[in-house]
N, C-alpha and C. Protein backbone atom coordinates (compact mmCIF):
# COMPACT_ATOMS: atom_id res chain seq x y z
N UNK A 1 -111.16 57.86 -30.64
CA UNK A 1 -111.98 57.08 -29.70
C UNK A 1 -112.98 57.82 -29.37
N UNK A 2 -113.90 56.92 -29.20
CA UNK A 2 -115.48 57.58 -28.44
C UNK A 2 -115.51 57.82 -27.56
N UNK A 3 -116.64 58.58 -27.21
CA UNK A 3 -116.98 58.61 -25.74
C UNK A 3 -117.19 57.27 -24.52
N UNK A 4 -117.91 56.45 -25.26
CA UNK A 4 -118.11 55.17 -25.39
C UNK A 4 -117.13 54.13 -24.47
N UNK A 5 -116.19 54.34 -25.68
CA UNK A 5 -114.74 53.64 -25.13
C UNK A 5 -114.08 54.75 -24.22
N UNK A 6 -114.20 55.46 -23.53
CA UNK A 6 -113.36 55.98 -22.49
C UNK A 6 -114.48 55.74 -21.54
N UNK A 7 -115.71 56.08 -21.41
CA UNK A 7 -116.24 55.79 -20.69
C UNK A 7 -116.06 54.27 -19.87
N UNK A 8 -115.93 53.44 -21.01
CA UNK A 8 -115.82 51.92 -20.85
C UNK A 8 -114.19 52.09 -20.19
N UNK A 9 -113.43 52.09 -20.17
CA UNK A 9 -112.17 52.26 -19.86
C UNK A 9 -111.62 53.10 -19.18
N UNK A 10 -112.44 53.91 -17.86
CA UNK A 10 -112.11 54.19 -16.69
C UNK A 10 -113.07 53.28 -15.92
N UNK A 11 -114.15 52.91 -16.46
CA UNK A 11 -115.08 52.42 -15.14
C UNK A 11 -114.48 50.86 -15.29
N UNK A 12 -113.72 50.13 -16.06
CA UNK A 12 -112.94 48.82 -15.96
C UNK A 12 -111.39 49.56 -15.39
N UNK A 13 -111.19 50.58 -14.91
CA UNK A 13 -110.00 50.59 -14.29
C UNK A 13 -110.86 50.63 -12.82
N UNK A 14 -111.78 51.43 -12.66
CA UNK A 14 -112.21 51.89 -10.92
C UNK A 14 -112.79 50.18 -10.70
N UNK A 15 -113.32 49.52 -11.95
CA UNK A 15 -113.81 47.65 -11.00
C UNK A 15 -112.52 46.61 -10.76
N UNK A 16 -111.68 47.55 -11.24
CA UNK A 16 -110.57 46.39 -11.35
C UNK A 16 -110.18 46.97 -9.96
N UNK A 17 -109.75 48.31 -9.79
CA UNK A 17 -109.25 48.72 -8.19
C UNK A 17 -110.19 47.84 -7.10
N UNK A 18 -111.22 48.09 -7.17
CA UNK A 18 -112.18 47.75 -6.65
C UNK A 18 -112.25 46.38 -6.35
N UNK A 19 -112.21 45.60 -7.54
CA UNK A 19 -112.20 43.99 -6.94
C UNK A 19 -110.90 43.62 -6.11
N UNK A 20 -109.57 44.51 -6.74
CA UNK A 20 -108.70 44.33 -5.75
C UNK A 20 -108.51 44.17 -4.52
N UNK A 21 -109.54 45.08 -3.87
CA UNK A 21 -109.25 45.98 -2.76
C UNK A 21 -110.28 44.89 -2.08
N UNK A 22 -111.27 44.42 -2.68
CA UNK A 22 -112.48 43.25 -2.10
C UNK A 22 -111.55 42.27 -2.24
N UNK A 23 -110.96 41.70 -2.57
CA UNK A 23 -110.59 40.61 -2.52
C UNK A 23 -108.72 40.26 -1.47
N UNK A 24 -108.28 41.61 -1.42
CA UNK A 24 -107.27 41.88 -0.48
C UNK A 24 -107.80 41.75 1.08
N UNK A 25 -109.48 41.99 1.01
CA UNK A 25 -109.55 42.10 2.22
C UNK A 25 -110.13 40.92 2.98
N UNK A 26 -111.07 40.28 1.85
CA UNK A 26 -111.18 39.07 2.11
C UNK A 26 -110.37 38.44 2.58
N UNK A 27 -109.36 37.67 1.97
CA UNK A 27 -107.64 37.37 2.36
C UNK A 27 -106.78 37.98 3.51
N UNK A 28 -107.23 39.19 4.15
CA UNK A 28 -106.70 39.52 5.28
C UNK A 28 -107.57 38.74 6.08
N UNK A 29 -108.93 38.56 6.16
CA UNK A 29 -110.22 38.40 7.30
C UNK A 29 -109.64 36.58 7.14
N UNK A 30 -109.61 36.07 6.27
CA UNK A 30 -109.62 34.25 6.30
C UNK A 30 -107.98 34.49 7.20
N UNK A 31 -107.07 35.48 7.16
CA UNK A 31 -105.69 35.18 7.58
C UNK A 31 -106.28 35.30 9.06
N UNK A 32 -106.75 36.14 9.67
CA UNK A 32 -106.86 36.95 10.98
C UNK A 32 -107.74 35.63 11.33
N UNK A 33 -108.77 35.09 10.61
CA UNK A 33 -109.45 33.92 11.18
C UNK A 33 -108.47 32.53 11.26
N UNK A 34 -107.94 32.52 10.81
CA UNK A 34 -106.84 31.20 10.69
C UNK A 34 -105.81 31.43 11.59
N UNK A 35 -104.73 32.38 12.22
CA UNK A 35 -104.17 33.40 13.07
C UNK A 35 -105.19 32.99 14.42
N UNK A 36 -106.43 33.59 14.44
CA UNK A 36 -107.09 33.18 15.61
C UNK A 36 -107.16 32.01 15.80
N UNK A 37 -107.55 30.88 15.11
CA UNK A 37 -108.11 29.93 15.56
C UNK A 37 -106.61 28.96 16.04
N UNK A 38 -105.69 29.35 15.23
CA UNK A 38 -104.63 28.39 16.09
C UNK A 38 -104.03 28.79 17.24
N UNK A 39 -104.19 30.50 18.03
CA UNK A 39 -104.30 30.92 18.89
C UNK A 39 -104.99 30.07 19.87
N UNK A 40 -105.99 30.42 19.64
CA UNK A 40 -107.24 29.38 20.19
C UNK A 40 -106.58 27.44 20.73
N UNK A 41 -106.51 27.03 19.65
CA UNK A 41 -105.81 26.00 19.31
C UNK A 41 -104.85 25.64 20.26
N UNK A 42 -103.78 26.81 20.95
CA UNK A 42 -103.00 26.91 21.13
C UNK A 42 -101.68 26.47 20.53
N UNK A 43 -101.97 26.56 19.55
CA UNK A 43 -100.17 26.46 18.86
C UNK A 43 -100.07 27.94 18.37
N UNK A 44 -98.69 27.89 18.16
CA UNK A 44 -98.29 29.10 17.55
C UNK A 44 -98.73 30.21 16.36
N UNK A 45 -99.09 31.42 16.03
CA UNK A 45 -99.72 31.73 15.06
C UNK A 45 -98.43 31.78 13.91
N UNK A 46 -97.21 31.87 14.00
CA UNK A 46 -95.74 31.68 13.05
C UNK A 46 -95.28 30.31 13.33
N UNK A 47 -94.91 29.32 13.38
CA UNK A 47 -93.40 28.46 13.10
C UNK A 47 -92.45 29.25 13.61
N UNK A 48 -91.38 28.76 14.54
CA UNK A 48 -89.94 29.12 14.94
C UNK A 48 -89.20 29.06 14.09
N UNK A 49 -89.35 28.61 12.95
CA UNK A 49 -88.67 28.55 11.45
C UNK A 49 -89.45 29.32 10.32
N UNK A 50 -90.04 30.03 10.44
CA UNK A 50 -90.62 31.05 9.79
C UNK A 50 -89.33 31.70 8.99
N UNK A 51 -89.85 31.72 7.69
CA UNK A 51 -89.04 32.80 6.59
C UNK A 51 -88.84 34.61 7.41
N UNK A 52 -88.40 34.47 7.42
CA UNK A 52 -88.08 36.85 7.07
C UNK A 52 -89.65 36.89 6.35
N UNK A 53 -90.39 37.50 7.04
CA UNK A 53 -91.81 38.12 6.93
C UNK A 53 -91.69 39.33 5.35
N UNK A 54 -90.54 40.37 5.47
CA UNK A 54 -89.91 41.29 4.98
C UNK A 54 -89.75 40.27 3.68
N UNK A 55 -89.11 39.35 3.51
CA UNK A 55 -88.64 38.32 2.80
C UNK A 55 -89.41 37.99 1.59
N UNK A 56 -90.25 37.24 2.53
CA UNK A 56 -91.72 36.78 2.04
C UNK A 56 -92.23 37.61 1.24
N UNK A 57 -92.55 38.42 1.31
CA UNK A 57 -93.65 39.75 1.04
C UNK A 57 -92.52 40.23 -0.07
N UNK A 58 -91.09 40.08 -0.27
CA UNK A 58 -90.44 40.72 -1.55
C UNK A 58 -90.89 39.55 -2.73
N UNK A 59 -90.59 38.60 -1.98
CA UNK A 59 -90.62 37.63 -2.97
C UNK A 59 -91.79 37.40 -3.97
N UNK A 60 -93.11 37.34 -3.19
CA UNK A 60 -94.09 37.85 -3.23
C UNK A 60 -94.48 38.66 -4.47
N UNK A 61 -94.17 39.57 -4.42
CA UNK A 61 -93.84 41.10 -4.98
C UNK A 61 -93.36 41.00 -6.38
N UNK A 62 -92.55 40.36 -6.09
CA UNK A 62 -91.90 39.80 -7.17
C UNK A 62 -92.41 39.02 -8.47
N UNK A 63 -93.12 38.11 -7.83
CA UNK A 63 -93.57 36.43 -8.39
C UNK A 63 -94.53 37.24 -8.94
N UNK A 64 -95.93 38.23 -8.65
CA UNK A 64 -97.17 39.19 -8.80
C UNK A 64 -96.53 39.77 -10.55
N UNK A 65 -95.19 40.24 -10.13
CA UNK A 65 -95.02 41.45 -10.87
C UNK A 65 -94.54 40.31 -12.02
N UNK A 66 -93.87 39.47 -12.06
CA UNK A 66 -93.15 38.24 -13.59
C UNK A 66 -94.21 37.74 -14.12
N UNK A 67 -95.57 37.40 -12.83
CA UNK A 67 -97.03 36.72 -13.68
C UNK A 67 -97.76 38.03 -14.42
N UNK A 68 -97.71 39.10 -14.05
CA UNK A 68 -97.94 39.95 -14.74
C UNK A 68 -97.45 40.26 -16.41
N UNK A 69 -95.94 40.27 -16.27
CA UNK A 69 -95.76 40.12 -17.35
C UNK A 69 -96.03 39.27 -18.02
N UNK A 70 -95.96 37.79 -17.70
CA UNK A 70 -96.05 37.06 -18.57
C UNK A 70 -97.67 36.78 -19.32
N UNK A 71 -98.66 37.86 -18.15
CA UNK A 71 -99.70 37.66 -18.98
C UNK A 71 -100.19 38.31 -19.82
N UNK A 72 -99.35 39.11 -20.67
CA UNK A 72 -99.50 40.50 -21.43
C UNK A 72 -98.62 40.06 -22.81
N UNK A 73 -98.15 38.86 -22.92
CA UNK A 73 -97.95 38.31 -23.97
C UNK A 73 -98.91 37.29 -24.77
């Protein structure tokens, strides 16, 4: 491996993390805006029959992992 390939690899890893952080921040901001709008409209932020948040998070992470595995092939 030459120096150019190593530098490109490191830059790609850093950019991937930065982009992922920006995307997560944007999605979180949109979610907060939507919750705020619902609260202003008098609607509950979460429906009373909403699934368990921890379970939903766990399923989302599993789905993301499976998607990454599928993308490798």
